[in-house]
Amino acid sequence: GEPPLSASVTLHVLLVDGFSQPFLPLPDAPADAPVDDRLTVY
C-alpha cells in the first residue's frame, strides 16, 4: 500500500542430529491429574 504497513515475526530454529533426538521438554502434567498406571495393568 501507499504508505506501506508492516508487521514482524520472530522464528526460533534448532539444529538437530536426527528427529528421534528429544530436543524439547515435554509439557508438565497438570497438578490435578495424577498419573495412573492401573489401566495399563488391567
PDB file of all heavy atoms in Angstrom:
ATOM      1  N   GLY A   1       0.813  -1.205   0.000  1.00  0.00           N
ATOM      2  CA  GLY A   1       0.000   0.000   0.000  1.00  0.00           C
ATOM      3  C   GLY A   1       0.847   1.256   0.000  1.00  0.00           C
ATOM      4  O   GLY A   1       2.077   1.215  -0.014  1.00  0.00           O
ATOM      5  N   GLU A   2       0.135   2.383  -0.011  1.00  0.00           N
ATOM      6  CA  GLU A   2       0.827   3.673  -0.012  1.00  0.00           C
ATOM      7  C   GLU A   2       0.212   4.563   1.075  1.00  0.00           C
ATOM      8  O   GLU A   2      -0.926   5.028   0.919  1.00  0.00           O
ATOM      9  CB  GLU A   2       0.677   4.336  -1.384  1.00  0.00           C
ATOM     10  CG  GLU A   2       1.451   5.623  -1.524  1.00  0.00           C
ATOM     11  CD  GLU A   2       2.953   5.443  -1.331  1.00  0.00           C
ATOM     12  OE1 GLU A   2       3.497   4.435  -1.834  1.00  0.00           O
ATOM     13  OE2 GLU A   2       3.558   6.312  -0.683  1.00  0.00           O
ATOM     14  N   PRO A   3       0.876   4.746   2.184  1.00  0.00           N
ATOM     15  CA  PRO A   3       2.206   4.207   2.516  1.00  0.00           C
ATOM     16  C   PRO A   3       2.095   2.746   2.947  1.00  0.00           C
ATOM     17  O   PRO A   3       1.046   2.318   3.418  1.00  0.00           O
ATOM     18  CB  PRO A   3       2.645   5.101   3.671  1.00  0.00           C
ATOM     19  CG  PRO A   3       1.357   5.489   4.335  1.00  0.00           C
ATOM     20  CD  PRO A   3       0.363   5.658   3.234  1.00  0.00           C
ATOM     21  N   PRO A   4       3.168   1.966   2.819  1.00  0.00           N
ATOM     22  CA  PRO A   4       3.120   0.553   3.188  1.00  0.00           C
ATOM     23  C   PRO A   4       3.059   0.378   4.692  1.00  0.00           C
ATOM     24  O   PRO A   4       3.621   1.156   5.461  1.00  0.00           O
ATOM     25  CB  PRO A   4       4.413  -0.010   2.599  1.00  0.00           C
ATOM     26  CG  PRO A   4       5.334   1.145   2.529  1.00  0.00           C
ATOM     27  CD  PRO A   4       4.486   2.342   2.257  1.00  0.00           C
ATOM     28  N   LEU A   5       2.366  -0.695   5.105  1.00  0.00           N
ATOM     29  CA  LEU A   5       2.286  -1.085   6.514  1.00  0.00           C
ATOM     30  C   LEU A   5       2.954  -2.443   6.668  1.00  0.00           C
ATOM     31  O   LEU A   5       2.981  -3.245   5.728  1.00  0.00           O
ATOM     32  CB  LEU A   5       0.834  -1.136   6.991  1.00  0.00           C
ATOM     33  CG  LEU A   5       0.040   0.177   6.882  1.00  0.00           C
ATOM     34  CD1 LEU A   5      -1.390  -0.038   7.344  1.00  0.00           C
ATOM     35  CD2 LEU A   5       0.705   1.271   7.689  1.00  0.00           C
ATOM     36  N   SER A   6       3.483  -2.714   7.851  1.00  0.00           N
ATOM     37  CA  SER A   6       4.265  -3.938   8.031  1.00  0.00           C
ATOM     38  C   SER A   6       4.042  -4.517   9.411  1.00  0.00           C
ATOM     39  O   SER A   6       3.493  -3.874  10.313  1.00  0.00           O
ATOM     40  CB  SER A   6       5.757  -3.658   7.812  1.00  0.00           C
ATOM     41  OG  SER A   6       6.227  -2.719   8.766  1.00  0.00           O
ATOM     42  N   ALA A   7       4.487  -5.782   9.559  1.00  0.00           N
ATOM     43  CA  ALA A   7       4.497  -6.494  10.834  1.00  0.00           C
ATOM     44  C   ALA A   7       5.725  -7.389  10.836  1.00  0.00           C
ATOM     45  O   ALA A   7       6.258  -7.752   9.781  1.00  0.00           O
ATOM     46  CB  ALA A   7       3.225  -7.315  11.025  1.00  0.00           C
ATOM     47  N   SER A   8       6.190  -7.738  12.014  1.00  0.00           N
ATOM     48  CA  SER A   8       7.375  -8.589  12.136  1.00  0.00           C
ATOM     49  C   SER A   8       7.037  -9.850  12.912  1.00  0.00           C
ATOM     50  O   SER A   8       6.104  -9.868  13.726  1.00  0.00           O
ATOM     51  CB  SER A   8       8.514  -7.834  12.831  1.00  0.00           C
ATOM     52  OG  SER A   8       8.129  -7.451  14.140  1.00  0.00           O
ATOM     53  N   VAL A   9       7.816 -10.903  12.665  1.00  0.00           N
ATOM     54  CA  VAL A   9       7.619 -12.184  13.326  1.00  0.00           C
ATOM     55  C   VAL A   9       8.988 -12.765  13.657  1.00  0.00           C
ATOM     56  O   VAL A   9       9.936 -12.637  12.870  1.00  0.00           O
ATOM     57  CB  VAL A   9       6.798 -13.149  12.438  1.00  0.00           C
ATOM     58  CG1 VAL A   9       7.438 -13.344  11.089  1.00  0.00           C
ATOM     59  CG2 VAL A   9       6.608 -14.492  13.118  1.00  0.00           C
ATOM     60  N   THR A  10       9.086 -13.394  14.837  1.00  0.00           N
ATOM     61  CA  THR A  10      10.337 -13.995  15.290  1.00  0.00           C
ATOM     62  C   THR A  10      10.252 -15.504  15.172  1.00  0.00           C
ATOM     63  O   THR A  10       9.272 -16.120  15.619  1.00  0.00           O
ATOM     64  CB  THR A  10      10.632 -13.599  16.742  1.00  0.00           C
ATOM     65  OG1 THR A  10      10.713 -12.183  16.824  1.00  0.00           O
ATOM     66  CG2 THR A  10      11.937 -14.202  17.212  1.00  0.00           C
ATOM     67  N   LEU A  11      11.255 -16.123  14.545  1.00  0.00           N
ATOM     68  CA  LEU A  11      11.336 -17.573  14.371  1.00  0.00           C
ATOM     69  C   LEU A  11      12.483 -18.109  15.206  1.00  0.00           C
ATOM     70  O   LEU A  11      13.565 -17.499  15.276  1.00  0.00           O
ATOM     71  CB  LEU A  11      11.539 -17.938  12.902  1.00  0.00           C
ATOM     72  CG  LEU A  11      10.489 -17.424  11.905  1.00  0.00           C
ATOM     73  CD1 LEU A  11      10.880 -17.829  10.501  1.00  0.00           C
ATOM     74  CD2 LEU A  11       9.119 -17.966  12.250  1.00  0.00           C
ATOM     75  N   HIS A  12      12.259 -19.276  15.815  1.00  0.00           N
ATOM     76  CA  HIS A  12      13.290 -19.972  16.581  1.00  0.00           C
ATOM     77  C   HIS A  12      13.586 -21.287  15.874  1.00  0.00           C
ATOM     78  O   HIS A  12      12.678 -22.093  15.651  1.00  0.00           O
ATOM     79  CB  HIS A  12      12.820 -20.222  18.006  1.00  0.00           C
ATOM     80  CG  HIS A  12      12.568 -18.964  18.785  1.00  0.00           C
ATOM     81  ND1 HIS A  12      13.535 -18.322  19.518  1.00  0.00           N
ATOM     82  CD2 HIS A  12      11.450 -18.201  18.910  1.00  0.00           C
ATOM     83  CE1 HIS A  12      13.031 -17.240  20.080  1.00  0.00           C
ATOM     84  NE2 HIS A  12      11.752 -17.138  19.725  1.00  0.00           N
ATOM     85  N   VAL A  13      14.838 -21.502  15.525  1.00  0.00           N
ATOM     86  CA  VAL A  13      15.252 -22.688  14.768  1.00  0.00           C
ATOM     87  C   VAL A  13      16.287 -23.445  15.589  1.00  0.00           C
ATOM     88  O   VAL A  13      17.237 -22.845  16.119  1.00  0.00           O
ATOM     89  CB  VAL A  13      15.836 -22.296  13.395  1.00  0.00           C
ATOM     90  CG1 VAL A  13      16.259 -23.537  12.628  1.00  0.00           C
ATOM     91  CG2 VAL A  13      14.816 -21.496  12.592  1.00  0.00           C
ATOM     92  N   LEU A  14      16.092 -24.793  15.685  1.00  0.00           N
ATOM     93  CA  LEU A  14      17.033 -25.674  16.375  1.00  0.00           C
ATOM     94  C   LEU A  14      17.647 -26.628  15.374  1.00  0.00           C
ATOM     95  O   LEU A  14      16.921 -27.262  14.595  1.00  0.00           O
ATOM     96  CB  LEU A  14      16.324 -26.461  17.476  1.00  0.00           C
ATOM     97  CG  LEU A  14      15.757 -25.661  18.657  1.00  0.00           C
ATOM     98  CD1 LEU A  14      15.100 -26.597  19.644  1.00  0.00           C
ATOM     99  CD2 LEU A  14      16.834 -24.837  19.329  1.00  0.00           C
ATOM    100  N   LEU A  15      18.960 -26.720  15.375  1.00  0.00           N
ATOM    101  CA  LEU A  15      19.663 -27.686  14.536  1.00  0.00           C
ATOM    102  C   LEU A  15      19.855 -28.959  15.335  1.00  0.00           C
ATOM    103  O   LEU A  15      20.382 -28.936  16.452  1.00  0.00           O
ATOM    104  CB  LEU A  15      21.018 -27.124  14.090  1.00  0.00           C
ATOM    105  CG  LEU A  15      20.982 -25.772  13.360  1.00  0.00           C
ATOM    106  CD1 LEU A  15      22.386 -25.422  12.869  1.00  0.00           C
ATOM    107  CD2 LEU A  15      20.002 -25.798  12.213  1.00  0.00           C
ATOM    108  N   VAL A  16      19.426 -30.103  14.763  1.00  0.00           N
ATOM    109  CA  VAL A  16      19.463 -31.380  15.478  1.00  0.00           C
ATOM    110  C   VAL A  16      20.155 -32.403  14.607  1.00  0.00           C
ATOM    111  O   VAL A  16      20.264 -32.275  13.380  1.00  0.00           O
ATOM    112  CB  VAL A  16      18.036 -31.844  15.833  1.00  0.00           C
ATOM    113  CG1 VAL A  16      17.378 -30.872  16.782  1.00  0.00           C
ATOM    114  CG2 VAL A  16      17.196 -31.989  14.571  1.00  0.00           C
ATOM    115  N   ASP A  17      20.634 -33.470  15.278  1.00  0.00           N
ATOM    116  CA  ASP A  17      21.292 -34.554  14.555  1.00  0.00           C
ATOM    117  C   ASP A  17      20.292 -35.490  13.912  1.00  0.00           C
ATOM    118  O   ASP A  17      20.576 -36.125  12.912  1.00  0.00           O
ATOM    119  CB  ASP A  17      22.202 -35.335  15.506  1.00  0.00           C
ATOM    120  CG  ASP A  17      23.354 -34.468  15.992  1.00  0.00           C
ATOM    121  OD1 ASP A  17      23.751 -33.551  15.242  1.00  0.00           O
ATOM    122  OD2 ASP A  17      23.825 -34.686  17.121  1.00  0.00           O
ATOM    123  N   GLY A  18      19.145 -35.643  14.484  1.00  0.00           N
ATOM    124  CA  GLY A  18      18.106 -36.520  13.943  1.00  0.00           C
ATOM    125  C   GLY A  18      16.800 -36.208  14.626  1.00  0.00           C
ATOM    126  O   GLY A  18      16.765 -35.748  15.775  1.00  0.00           O
ATOM    127  N   PHE A  19      15.707 -36.501  13.967  1.00  0.00           N
ATOM    128  CA  PHE A  19      14.405 -36.143  14.518  1.00  0.00           C
ATOM    129  C   PHE A  19      13.992 -37.047  15.661  1.00  0.00           C
ATOM    130  O   PHE A  19      13.002 -36.793  16.320  1.00  0.00           O
ATOM    131  CB  PHE A  19      13.332 -36.170  13.423  1.00  0.00           C
ATOM    132  CG  PHE A  19      13.436 -35.002  12.495  1.00  0.00           C
ATOM    133  CD1 PHE A  19      13.734 -35.176  11.154  1.00  0.00           C
ATOM    134  CD2 PHE A  19      13.242 -33.723  12.962  1.00  0.00           C
ATOM    135  CE1 PHE A  19      13.822 -34.100  10.307  1.00  0.00           C
ATOM    136  CE2 PHE A  19      13.338 -32.632  12.116  1.00  0.00           C
ATOM    137  CZ  PHE A  19      13.623 -32.825  10.788  1.00  0.00           C
ATOM    138  N   SER A  20      14.750 -38.161  15.919  1.00  0.00           N
ATOM    139  CA  SER A  20      14.434 -39.024  17.045  1.00  0.00           C
ATOM    140  C   SER A  20      15.011 -38.492  18.344  1.00  0.00           C
ATOM    141  O   SER A  20      14.698 -38.972  19.425  1.00  0.00           O
ATOM    142  CB  SER A  20      14.968 -40.439  16.792  1.00  0.00           C
ATOM    143  OG  SER A  20      16.382 -40.414  16.631  1.00  0.00           O
ATOM    144  N   GLN A  21      15.893 -37.533  18.288  1.00  0.00           N
ATOM    145  CA  GLN A  21      16.519 -36.967  19.472  1.00  0.00           C
ATOM    146  C   GLN A  21      15.523 -36.108  20.225  1.00  0.00           C
ATOM    147  O   GLN A  21      14.823 -35.293  19.640  1.00  0.00           O
ATOM    148  CB  GLN A  21      17.723 -36.125  19.060  1.00  0.00           C
ATOM    149  CG  GLN A  21      18.430 -35.447  20.232  1.00  0.00           C
ATOM    150  CD  GLN A  21      19.574 -34.585  19.747  1.00  0.00           C
ATOM    151  OE1 GLN A  21      19.917 -34.644  18.580  1.00  0.00           O
ATOM    152  NE2 GLN A  21      20.146 -33.814  20.641  1.00  0.00           N
ATOM    153  N   PRO A  22      15.413 -36.297  21.551  1.00  0.00           N
ATOM    154  CA  PRO A  22      14.473 -35.460  22.313  1.00  0.00           C
ATOM    155  C   PRO A  22      15.035 -34.057  22.482  1.00  0.00           C
ATOM    156  O   PRO A  22      15.938 -33.825  23.278  1.00  0.00           O
ATOM    157  CB  PRO A  22      14.361 -36.187  23.658  1.00  0.00           C
ATOM    158  CG  PRO A  22      15.659 -36.917  23.804  1.00  0.00           C
ATOM    159  CD  PRO A  22      16.090 -37.303  22.406  1.00  0.00           C
ATOM    160  N   PHE A  23      14.482 -33.138  21.723  1.00  0.00           N
ATOM    161  CA  PHE A  23      15.025 -31.781  21.748  1.00  0.00           C
ATOM    162  C   PHE A  23      14.290 -30.896  22.733  1.00  0.00           C
ATOM    163  O   PHE A  23      14.884 -30.083  23.402  1.00  0.00           O
ATOM    164  CB  PHE A  23      14.916 -31.157  20.356  1.00  0.00           C
ATOM    165  CG  PHE A  23      15.496 -32.039  19.298  1.00  0.00           C
ATOM    166  CD1 PHE A  23      14.678 -32.784  18.478  1.00  0.00           C
ATOM    167  CD2 PHE A  23      16.852 -32.138  19.152  1.00  0.00           C
ATOM    168  CE1 PHE A  23      15.216 -33.591  17.513  1.00  0.00           C
ATOM    169  CE2 PHE A  23      17.378 -32.951  18.181  1.00  0.00           C
ATOM    170  CZ  PHE A  23      16.563 -33.684  17.363  1.00  0.00           C
ATOM    171  N   LEU A  24      12.991 -31.051  22.766  1.00  0.00           N
ATOM    172  CA  LEU A  24      12.212 -30.128  23.568  1.00  0.00           C
ATOM    173  C   LEU A  24      11.623 -30.854  24.761  1.00  0.00           C
ATOM    174  O   LEU A  24      11.213 -32.020  24.655  1.00  0.00           O
ATOM    175  CB  LEU A  24      11.060 -29.538  22.733  1.00  0.00           C
ATOM    176  CG  LEU A  24      11.512 -28.780  21.483  1.00  0.00           C
ATOM    177  CD1 LEU A  24      10.283 -28.296  20.724  1.00  0.00           C
ATOM    178  CD2 LEU A  24      12.396 -27.605  21.865  1.00  0.00           C
ATOM    179  N   PRO A  25      11.557 -30.222  25.931  1.00  0.00           N
ATOM    180  CA  PRO A  25      10.964 -30.875  27.102  1.00  0.00           C
ATOM    181  C   PRO A  25       9.473 -31.046  26.921  1.00  0.00           C
ATOM    182  O   PRO A  25       8.802 -30.237  26.295  1.00  0.00           O
ATOM    183  CB  PRO A  25      11.281 -29.889  28.239  1.00  0.00           C
ATOM    184  CG  PRO A  25      11.420 -28.563  27.559  1.00  0.00           C
ATOM    185  CD  PRO A  25      12.025 -28.864  26.211  1.00  0.00           C
ATOM    186  N   LEU A  26       8.974 -32.179  27.467  1.00  0.00           N
ATOM    187  CA  LEU A  26       7.546 -32.431  27.402  1.00  0.00           C
ATOM    188  C   LEU A  26       6.827 -31.491  28.341  1.00  0.00           C
ATOM    189  O   LEU A  26       7.349 -31.125  29.397  1.00  0.00           O
ATOM    190  CB  LEU A  26       7.252 -33.887  27.793  1.00  0.00           C
ATOM    191  CG  LEU A  26       7.808 -34.937  26.830  1.00  0.00           C
ATOM    192  CD1 LEU A  26       7.523 -36.326  27.374  1.00  0.00           C
ATOM    193  CD2 LEU A  26       7.211 -34.778  25.453  1.00  0.00           C
ATOM    194  N   PRO A  27       5.626 -31.096  27.995  1.00  0.00           N
ATOM    195  CA  PRO A  27       4.885 -30.212  28.902  1.00  0.00           C
ATOM    196  C   PRO A  27       4.550 -30.927  30.190  1.00  0.00           C
ATOM    197  O   PRO A  27       4.290 -32.123  30.207  1.00  0.00           O
ATOM    198  CB  PRO A  27       3.625 -29.861  28.090  1.00  0.00           C
ATOM    199  CG  PRO A  27       3.493 -30.955  27.096  1.00  0.00           C
ATOM    200  CD  PRO A  27       4.892 -31.397  26.774  1.00  0.00           C
ATOM    201  N   ASP A  28       4.612 -30.186  31.279  1.00  0.00           N
ATOM    202  CA  ASP A  28       4.305 -30.763  32.579  1.00  0.00           C
ATOM    203  C   ASP A  28       2.843 -31.142  32.654  1.00  0.00           C
ATOM    204  O   ASP A  28       1.971 -30.456  32.129  1.00  0.00           O
ATOM    205  CB  ASP A  28       4.618 -29.760  33.692  1.00  0.00           C
ATOM    206  CG  ASP A  28       6.111 -29.438  33.725  1.00  0.00           C
ATOM    207  OD1 ASP A  28       6.896 -30.318  33.295  1.00  0.00           O
ATOM    208  OD2 ASP A  28       6.465 -28.319  34.144  1.00  0.00           O
ATOM    209  N   ALA A  29       2.632 -32.308  33.347  1.00  0.00           N
ATOM    210  CA  ALA A  29       1.254 -32.758  33.532  1.00  0.00           C
ATOM    211  C   ALA A  29       0.557 -31.853  34.525  1.00  0.00           C
ATOM    212  O   ALA A  29       1.186 -31.341  35.453  1.00  0.00           O
ATOM    213  CB  ALA A  29       1.238 -34.205  34.033  1.00  0.00           C
ATOM    214  N   PRO A  30      -0.717 -31.613  34.383  1.00  0.00           N
ATOM    215  CA  PRO A  30      -1.437 -30.772  35.335  1.00  0.00           C
ATOM    216  C   PRO A  30      -1.367 -31.354  36.730  1.00  0.00           C
ATOM    217  O   PRO A  30      -1.337 -32.567  36.924  1.00  0.00           O
ATOM    218  CB  PRO A  30      -2.871 -30.752  34.782  1.00  0.00           C
ATOM    219  CG  PRO A  30      -2.731 -31.112  33.350  1.00  0.00           C
ATOM    220  CD  PRO A  30      -1.563 -32.028  33.269  1.00  0.00           C
ATOM    221  N   ALA A  31      -1.304 -30.481  37.728  1.00  0.00           N
ATOM    222  CA  ALA A  31      -1.172 -30.939  39.105  1.00  0.00           C
ATOM    223  C   ALA A  31      -2.388 -31.705  39.570  1.00  0.00           C
ATOM    224  O   ALA A  31      -2.290 -32.586  40.421  1.00  0.00           O
ATOM    225  CB  ALA A  31      -0.939 -29.733  40.022  1.00  0.00           C
ATOM    226  N   ASP A  32      -3.551 -31.400  39.012  1.00  0.00           N
ATOM    227  CA  ASP A  32      -4.772 -32.065  39.446  1.00  0.00           C
ATOM    228  C   ASP A  32      -5.075 -33.311  38.644  1.00  0.00           C
ATOM    229  O   ASP A  32      -6.166 -33.842  38.731  1.00  0.00           O
ATOM    230  CB  ASP A  32      -5.954 -31.097  39.336  1.00  0.00           C
ATOM    231  CG  ASP A  32      -6.085 -30.563  37.934  1.00  0.00           C
ATOM    232  OD1 ASP A  32      -5.145 -30.773  37.133  1.00  0.00           O
ATOM    233  OD2 ASP A  32      -7.112 -29.926  37.636  1.00  0.00           O
ATOM    234  N   ALA A  33      -4.123 -33.823  37.843  1.00  0.00           N
ATOM    235  CA  ALA A  33      -4.333 -35.036  37.056  1.00  0.00           C
ATOM    236  C   ALA A  33      -3.176 -35.990  37.309  1.00  0.00           C
ATOM    237  O   ALA A  33      -2.238 -36.073  36.531  1.00  0.00           O
ATOM    238  CB  ALA A  33      -4.459 -34.708  35.574  1.00  0.00           C
ATOM    239  N   PRO A  34      -3.135 -36.732  38.453  1.00  0.00           N
ATOM    240  CA  PRO A  34      -2.030 -37.650  38.763  1.00  0.00           C
ATOM    241  C   PRO A  34      -1.977 -38.790  37.773  1.00  0.00           C
ATOM    242  O   PRO A  34      -2.982 -39.230  37.213  1.00  0.00           O
ATOM    243  CB  PRO A  34      -2.371 -38.142  40.178  1.00  0.00           C
ATOM    244  CG  PRO A  34      -3.854 -37.967  40.298  1.00  0.00           C
ATOM    245  CD  PRO A  34      -4.188 -36.751  39.497  1.00  0.00           C
ATOM    246  N   VAL A  35      -0.752 -39.268  37.566  1.00  0.00           N
ATOM    247  CA  VAL A  35      -0.533 -40.358  36.625  1.00  0.00           C
ATOM    248  C   VAL A  35      -1.069 -41.650  37.234  1.00  0.00           C
ATOM    249  O   VAL A  35      -0.755 -42.001  38.378  1.00  0.00           O
ATOM    250  CB  VAL A  35       0.968 -40.485  36.291  1.00  0.00           C
ATOM    251  CG1 VAL A  35       1.193 -41.627  35.337  1.00  0.00           C
ATOM    252  CG2 VAL A  35       1.471 -39.174  35.716  1.00  0.00           C
ATOM    253  N   ASP A  36      -1.844 -42.391  36.513  1.00  0.00           N
ATOM    254  CA  ASP A  36      -2.455 -43.629  36.980  1.00  0.00           C
ATOM    255  C   ASP A  36      -2.154 -44.714  35.966  1.00  0.00           C
ATOM    256  O   ASP A  36      -2.605 -44.651  34.826  1.00  0.00           O
ATOM    257  CB  ASP A  36      -3.964 -43.436  37.137  1.00  0.00           C
ATOM    258  CG  ASP A  36      -4.621 -44.609  37.860  1.00  0.00           C
ATOM    259  OD1 ASP A  36      -3.891 -45.577  38.174  1.00  0.00           O
ATOM    260  OD2 ASP A  36      -5.844 -44.551  38.089  1.00  0.00           O
ATOM    261  N   ASP A  37      -1.325 -45.752  36.437  1.00  0.00           N
ATOM    262  CA  ASP A  37      -0.940 -46.847  35.546  1.00  0.00           C
ATOM    263  C   ASP A  37      -1.835 -48.064  35.704  1.00  0.00           C
ATOM    264  O   ASP A  37      -1.553 -49.116  35.121  1.00  0.00           O
ATOM    265  CB  ASP A  37       0.518 -47.259  35.824  1.00  0.00           C
ATOM    266  CG  ASP A  37       1.481 -46.154  35.433  1.00  0.00           C
ATOM    267  OD1 ASP A  37       1.079 -45.342  34.579  1.00  0.00           O
ATOM    268  OD2 ASP A  37       2.596 -46.106  35.983  1.00  0.00           O
ATOM    269  N   ARG A  38      -2.880 -47.968  36.499  1.00  0.00           N
ATOM    270  CA  ARG A  38      -3.717 -49.152  36.703  1.00  0.00           C
ATOM    271  C   ARG A  38      -4.418 -49.576  35.419  1.00  0.00           C
ATOM    272  O   ARG A  38      -4.636 -50.768  35.212  1.00  0.00           O
ATOM    273  CB  ARG A  38      -4.760 -48.855  37.787  1.00  0.00           C
ATOM    274  CG  ARG A  38      -4.153 -48.712  39.188  1.00  0.00           C
ATOM    275  CD  ARG A  38      -5.233 -48.449  40.215  1.00  0.00           C
ATOM    276  NE  ARG A  38      -5.881 -47.168  39.948  1.00  0.00           N
ATOM    277  CZ  ARG A  38      -6.923 -46.713  40.638  1.00  0.00           C
ATOM    278  NH1 ARG A  38      -7.437 -47.443  41.613  1.00  0.00           N
ATOM    279  NH2 ARG A  38      -7.449 -45.539  40.345  1.00  0.00           N
ATOM    280  N   LEU A  39      -4.759 -48.638  34.609  1.00  0.00           N
ATOM    281  CA  LEU A  39      -5.429 -49.006  33.360  1.00  0.00           C
ATOM    282  C   LEU A  39      -4.520 -49.870  32.493  1.00  0.00           C
ATOM    283  O   LEU A  39      -4.959 -50.845  31.888  1.00  0.00           O
ATOM    284  CB  LEU A  39      -5.838 -47.743  32.605  1.00  0.00           C
ATOM    285  CG  LEU A  39      -6.544 -47.956  31.260  1.00  0.00           C
ATOM    286  CD1 LEU A  39      -7.824 -48.753  31.458  1.00  0.00           C
ATOM    287  CD2 LEU A  39      -6.842 -46.627  30.596  1.00  0.00           C
ATOM    288  N   THR A  40      -3.230 -49.535  32.464  1.00  0.00           N
ATOM    289  CA  THR A  40      -2.286 -50.341  31.679  1.00  0.00           C
ATOM    290  C   THR A  40      -2.186 -51.752  32.226  1.00  0.00           C
ATOM    291  O   THR A  40      -2.150 -52.743  31.481  1.00  0.00           O
ATOM    292  CB  THR A  40      -0.915 -49.652  31.687  1.00  0.00           C
ATOM    293  OG1 THR A  40      -1.045 -48.326  31.198  1.00  0.00           O
ATOM    294  CG2 THR A  40       0.080 -50.423  30.827  1.00  0.00           C
ATOM    295  N   VAL A  41      -2.136 -51.872  33.574  1.00  0.00           N
ATOM    296  CA  VAL A  41      -2.069 -53.210  34.184  1.00  0.00           C
ATOM    297  C   VAL A  41      -3.305 -54.009  33.844  1.00  0.00           C
ATOM    298  O   VAL A  41      -3.233 -55.202  33.500  1.00  0.00           O
ATOM    299  CB  VAL A  41      -1.894 -53.071  35.713  1.00  0.00           C
ATOM    300  CG1 VAL A  41      -1.927 -54.438  36.384  1.00  0.00           C
ATOM    301  CG2 VAL A  41      -0.580 -52.364  36.032  1.00  0.00           C
ATOM    302  N   TYR A  42      -4.479 -53.378  33.919  1.00  0.00           N
ATOM    303  CA  TYR A  42      -5.712 -54.088  33.598  1.00  0.00           C
ATOM    304  C   TYR A  42      -5.710 -54.575  32.149  1.00  0.00           C
ATOM    305  O   TYR A  42      -6.138 -55.695  31.843  1.00  0.00           O
ATOM    306  CB  TYR A  42      -6.915 -53.164  33.811  1.00  0.00           C
ATOM    307  CG  TYR A  42      -7.146 -52.783  35.266  1.00  0.00           C
ATOM    308  CD1 TYR A  42      -7.834 -51.626  35.594  1.00  0.00           C
ATOM    309  CD2 TYR A  42      -6.661 -53.595  36.305  1.00  0.00           C
ATOM    310  CE1 TYR A  42      -8.042 -51.269  36.918  1.00  0.00           C
ATOM    311  CE2 TYR A  42      -6.858 -53.238  37.630  1.00  0.00           C
ATOM    312  CZ  TYR A  42      -7.542 -52.077  37.932  1.00  0.00           C
ATOM    313  OH  TYR A  42      -7.741 -51.725  39.231  1.00  0.00           O
TER     314      TYR A  42
END
